[in-house]
Structures are given as C-alpha cells and as structure tokens.
N, C-alpha and C. Protein backbone atom coordinates (compact mmCIF):
# COMPACT_ATOMS: atom_id res chain seq x y z
N UNK A 1 -132.27 -134.21 82.45
CA UNK A 1 -131.80 -134.73 83.74
C UNK A 1 -130.86 -134.42 84.39
N UNK A 2 -129.76 -134.11 83.48
CA UNK A 2 -128.28 -133.37 84.16
C UNK A 2 -128.76 -132.15 84.77
N UNK A 3 -129.63 -131.21 84.21
CA UNK A 3 -130.13 -130.17 85.12
C UNK A 3 -130.77 -130.15 86.53
N UNK A 4 -131.34 -131.24 86.47
CA UNK A 4 -132.06 -132.05 87.90
C UNK A 4 -131.15 -132.20 88.74
N UNK A 5 -130.10 -133.00 88.46
CA UNK A 5 -128.97 -133.20 89.22
C UNK A 5 -128.28 -132.23 90.02
N UNK A 6 -128.02 -130.89 88.60
CA UNK A 6 -127.21 -129.69 89.46
C UNK A 6 -128.26 -129.11 90.15
N UNK A 7 -129.32 -128.91 90.15
CA UNK A 7 -130.38 -128.23 90.93
C UNK A 7 -130.55 -128.56 92.32
N UNK A 8 -129.97 -130.25 92.31
CA UNK A 8 -130.12 -130.75 93.77
C UNK A 8 -128.86 -130.87 94.59
N UNK A 9 -128.03 -130.27 93.62
CA UNK A 9 -126.56 -129.70 94.16
C UNK A 9 -125.65 -131.31 93.92
N UNK A 10 -126.07 -132.34 93.14
CA UNK A 10 -125.37 -133.58 92.64
C UNK A 10 -124.40 -133.10 91.33
N UNK A 11 -123.34 -132.08 91.40
CA UNK A 11 -122.69 -131.37 90.38
C UNK A 11 -122.22 -133.06 89.50
N UNK A 12 -121.37 -133.74 90.53
CA UNK A 12 -120.60 -134.84 90.26
C UNK A 12 -121.48 -135.82 88.94
N UNK A 13 -122.67 -136.06 89.43
CA UNK A 13 -123.73 -136.87 88.61
C UNK A 13 -123.63 -135.73 87.31
N UNK A 14 -124.13 -134.70 87.32
CA UNK A 14 -124.56 -133.96 86.34
C UNK A 14 -123.79 -133.79 85.21
N UNK A 15 -122.32 -133.90 85.49
CA UNK A 15 -121.28 -133.77 84.83
C UNK A 15 -121.01 -135.32 84.05
N UNK A 16 -120.99 -136.36 84.64
CA UNK A 16 -121.20 -137.52 84.52
C UNK A 16 -122.03 -137.60 83.13
N UNK A 17 -123.47 -137.53 83.45
CA UNK A 17 -124.46 -137.33 82.37
C UNK A 17 -124.40 -136.43 81.21
N UNK A 18 -123.58 -135.34 81.51
CA UNK A 18 -123.42 -134.52 80.12
C UNK A 18 -122.36 -135.37 79.17
N UNK A 19 -121.24 -135.75 80.08
CA UNK A 19 -120.34 -136.50 79.01
C UNK A 19 -120.77 -137.96 78.45
N UNK A 20 -122.10 -138.52 78.99
CA UNK A 20 -122.68 -139.46 78.33
C UNK A 20 -123.18 -139.05 77.09
N UNK A 21 -123.88 -137.68 77.15
CA UNK A 21 -124.54 -137.66 76.16
C UNK A 21 -123.91 -137.17 75.35
N UNK A 22 -122.58 -136.74 75.46
CA UNK A 22 -121.85 -136.19 74.07
C UNK A 22 -121.35 -137.48 73.81
N UNK A 23 -120.92 -138.67 74.08
CA UNK A 23 -120.56 -139.46 73.75
C UNK A 23 -121.48 -140.53 73.22
N UNK A 24 -122.82 -140.45 73.42
CA UNK A 24 -123.94 -140.68 72.25
C UNK A 24 -124.12 -140.31 71.36
N UNK A 25 -124.19 -138.68 71.59
CA UNK A 25 -124.28 -137.93 70.07
C UNK A 25 -123.50 -136.73 70.48
N UNK A 26 -122.21 -136.81 69.84
CA UNK A 26 -121.27 -135.32 69.86
C UNK A 26 -121.79 -134.34 68.88
N UNK A 27 -123.04 -134.28 68.46
CA UNK A 27 -123.32 -133.08 67.72
C UNK A 27 -124.26 -132.27 68.13
N UNK A 28 -124.44 -132.69 69.49
CA UNK A 28 -125.41 -131.54 70.04
C UNK A 28 -124.73 -130.57 71.18
N UNK A 29 -125.00 -129.44 70.31
CA UNK A 29 -123.77 -128.52 70.98
C UNK A 29 -124.32 -127.81 72.32
N UNK A 30 -125.64 -127.79 72.55
CA UNK A 30 -126.08 -127.45 73.90
C UNK A 30 -125.80 -128.15 75.00
N UNK A 31 -125.06 -129.26 74.74
CA UNK A 31 -124.73 -130.48 76.14
C UNK A 31 -122.94 -129.76 76.33
N UNK A 32 -122.06 -129.46 75.14
CA UNK A 32 -121.16 -128.89 75.42
C UNK A 32 -120.89 -127.54 75.93
N UNK A 33 -121.97 -126.69 75.80
CA UNK A 33 -122.24 -125.31 76.57
C UNK A 33 -122.77 -125.67 77.67
N UNK A 34 -123.87 -126.52 77.97
CA UNK A 34 -124.25 -126.43 79.26
C UNK A 34 -123.16 -127.40 80.16
N UNK A 35 -122.22 -128.44 79.91
CA UNK A 35 -121.27 -128.71 80.55
C UNK A 35 -120.06 -127.69 80.97
N UNK A 36 -120.07 -126.95 79.73
CA UNK A 36 -119.06 -125.65 79.94
C UNK A 36 -119.67 -124.87 81.20
N UNK A 37 -120.61 -124.50 81.22
CA UNK A 37 -121.20 -123.55 82.27
C UNK A 37 -121.09 -124.39 83.48
N UNK A 38 -121.13 -125.77 83.46
CA UNK A 38 -121.02 -126.49 84.93
C UNK A 38 -119.56 -126.22 85.43
N UNK A 39 -118.63 -126.70 84.21
CA UNK A 39 -117.05 -125.82 84.89
C UNK A 39 -116.73 -124.70 84.88
N UNK A 40 -117.47 -123.62 84.31
CA UNK A 40 -117.33 -122.47 84.79
C UNK A 40 -117.66 -122.05 86.28
N UNK A 41 -118.67 -122.33 86.35
CA UNK A 41 -119.51 -121.91 87.89
C UNK A 41 -118.31 -123.04 88.94
N UNK A 42 -117.62 -123.72 88.53
CA UNK A 42 -116.67 -124.65 89.65
C UNK A 42 -115.10 -123.73 89.41
N UNK A 43 -115.08 -123.06 88.67
CA UNK A 43 -113.96 -122.34 88.83
C UNK A 43 -113.02 -122.73 87.80
N UNK A 44 -113.31 -123.95 86.93
CA UNK A 44 -112.74 -124.37 86.12
C UNK A 44 -112.71 -123.67 84.49
N UNK A 45 -112.28 -122.69 84.35
CA UNK A 45 -112.41 -121.79 83.32
C UNK A 45 -111.73 -122.54 82.09
N UNK A 46 -110.52 -122.76 81.84
CA UNK A 46 -109.99 -123.36 80.93
C UNK A 46 -110.84 -124.24 80.01
N UNK A 47 -111.38 -125.27 80.92
CA UNK A 47 -112.28 -126.40 80.47
C UNK A 47 -113.58 -125.99 79.87
N UNK A 48 -113.87 -125.04 80.63
CA UNK A 48 -115.65 -124.35 80.09
C UNK A 48 -114.94 -123.38 78.94
N UNK A 49 -113.77 -123.06 78.52
CA UNK A 49 -113.90 -122.24 77.36
C UNK A 49 -113.47 -123.12 76.20
N UNK A 50 -112.70 -124.34 76.58
CA UNK A 50 -112.56 -125.46 75.54
C UNK A 50 -113.84 -126.33 75.11
N UNK A 51 -115.11 -126.19 75.96
CA UNK A 51 -116.51 -126.80 75.85
C UNK A 51 -117.04 -125.86 75.19
N UNK A 52 -116.99 -124.82 75.10
CA UNK A 52 -117.70 -123.54 74.59
C UNK A 52 -117.25 -123.43 72.95
N UNK A 53 -116.04 -123.48 73.08
CA UNK A 53 -115.50 -123.69 71.63
C UNK A 53 -115.81 -125.03 70.96
N UNK A 54 -116.09 -125.87 71.48
CA UNK A 54 -116.56 -127.31 71.16
C UNK A 54 -117.91 -127.24 70.54
N UNK A 55 -118.58 -126.37 71.50
CA UNK A 55 -119.97 -126.16 71.06
C UNK A 55 -120.17 -125.28 69.69
N UNK A 56 -119.26 -124.44 69.59
CA UNK A 56 -119.22 -123.64 68.52
C UNK A 56 -118.83 -124.34 67.08
N UNK A 57 -117.99 -125.37 67.29
CA UNK A 57 -117.33 -125.90 66.28
C UNK A 57 -118.79 -127.02 65.73
N UNK A 58 -119.46 -127.67 66.52
CA UNK A 58 -120.41 -128.60 66.28
C UNK A 58 -121.37 -127.60 65.88
N UNK A 59 -122.01 -126.41 66.23
CA UNK A 59 -122.91 -125.72 65.55
C UNK A 59 -122.48 -124.15 65.74
N UNK A 60 -121.91 -123.98 64.81
CA UNK A 60 -121.76 -122.42 64.67
C UNK A 60 -122.61 -121.22 64.60
N UNK A 61 -123.96 -121.71 64.22
CA UNK A 61 -125.17 -121.11 64.54
C UNK A 61 -125.84 -120.75 66.03
N UNK A 62 -125.44 -121.93 66.80
CA UNK A 62 -126.12 -122.09 67.97
C UNK A 62 -125.25 -120.42 69.06
N UNK A 63 -126.16 -119.57 69.28
CA UNK A 63 -125.48 -118.33 70.12
C UNK A 63 -124.67 -118.21 71.56
N UNK A 64 -125.33 -119.58 72.60
CA UNK A 64 -125.41 -119.61 73.66
C UNK A 64 -123.71 -119.23 73.83
N UNK A 65 -122.83 -120.49 73.43
CA UNK A 65 -121.77 -120.32 73.76
C UNK A 65 -120.79 -119.36 72.95
N UNK A 66 -121.06 -118.74 72.24
CA UNK A 66 -120.42 -117.42 72.05
C UNK A 66 -121.07 -116.03 73.34
N UNK A 67 -121.87 -116.33 73.66
CA UNK A 67 -122.02 -114.99 74.95
C UNK A 67 -121.67 -115.57 76.28
N UNK A 68 -120.62 -117.01 76.32
CA UNK A 68 -120.20 -117.26 77.60
C UNK A 68 -118.73 -117.01 77.52
N UNK A 69 -118.41 -116.88 76.09
CA UNK A 69 -116.91 -116.67 75.67
C UNK A 69 -116.23 -115.35 76.29
C-alpha cells in the first residue's frame, strides 16, 4: 500500500506506512530497504544509508540494500 501512495505522490503517507510496518514487524528487511529508497530520493542520504544497513542487519541474505549502498 505504501507503494501506491508513493506512486500518487503522497510521500509523507508512504513514509508513515513504512514506519508502521516496521513497528508491527521489525524483521522485514524489505521495508527498511524501501523506506531507505524513499529517503534517498528525497536527498536524505544519511537516513537512507542507516535504513539500508538496518535491512542488512535484519536479513544479511537480502541483496537489495547492498546494491543501494
């Protein structure tokens, strides 16, 4: 659903939903990675890197965040 908000240009709502998903299940590496991509696209590189690193910590086998670093 967060992706739909992003596509509609509602970035703030997408961020809110990604954060809610992390609170519900902090073991979902893809959510950290997707949220990192949102921050990267907003020019917030430090926050993006932090989230990519968190995704790697949660699931070291998930390759997407490595590619984004």
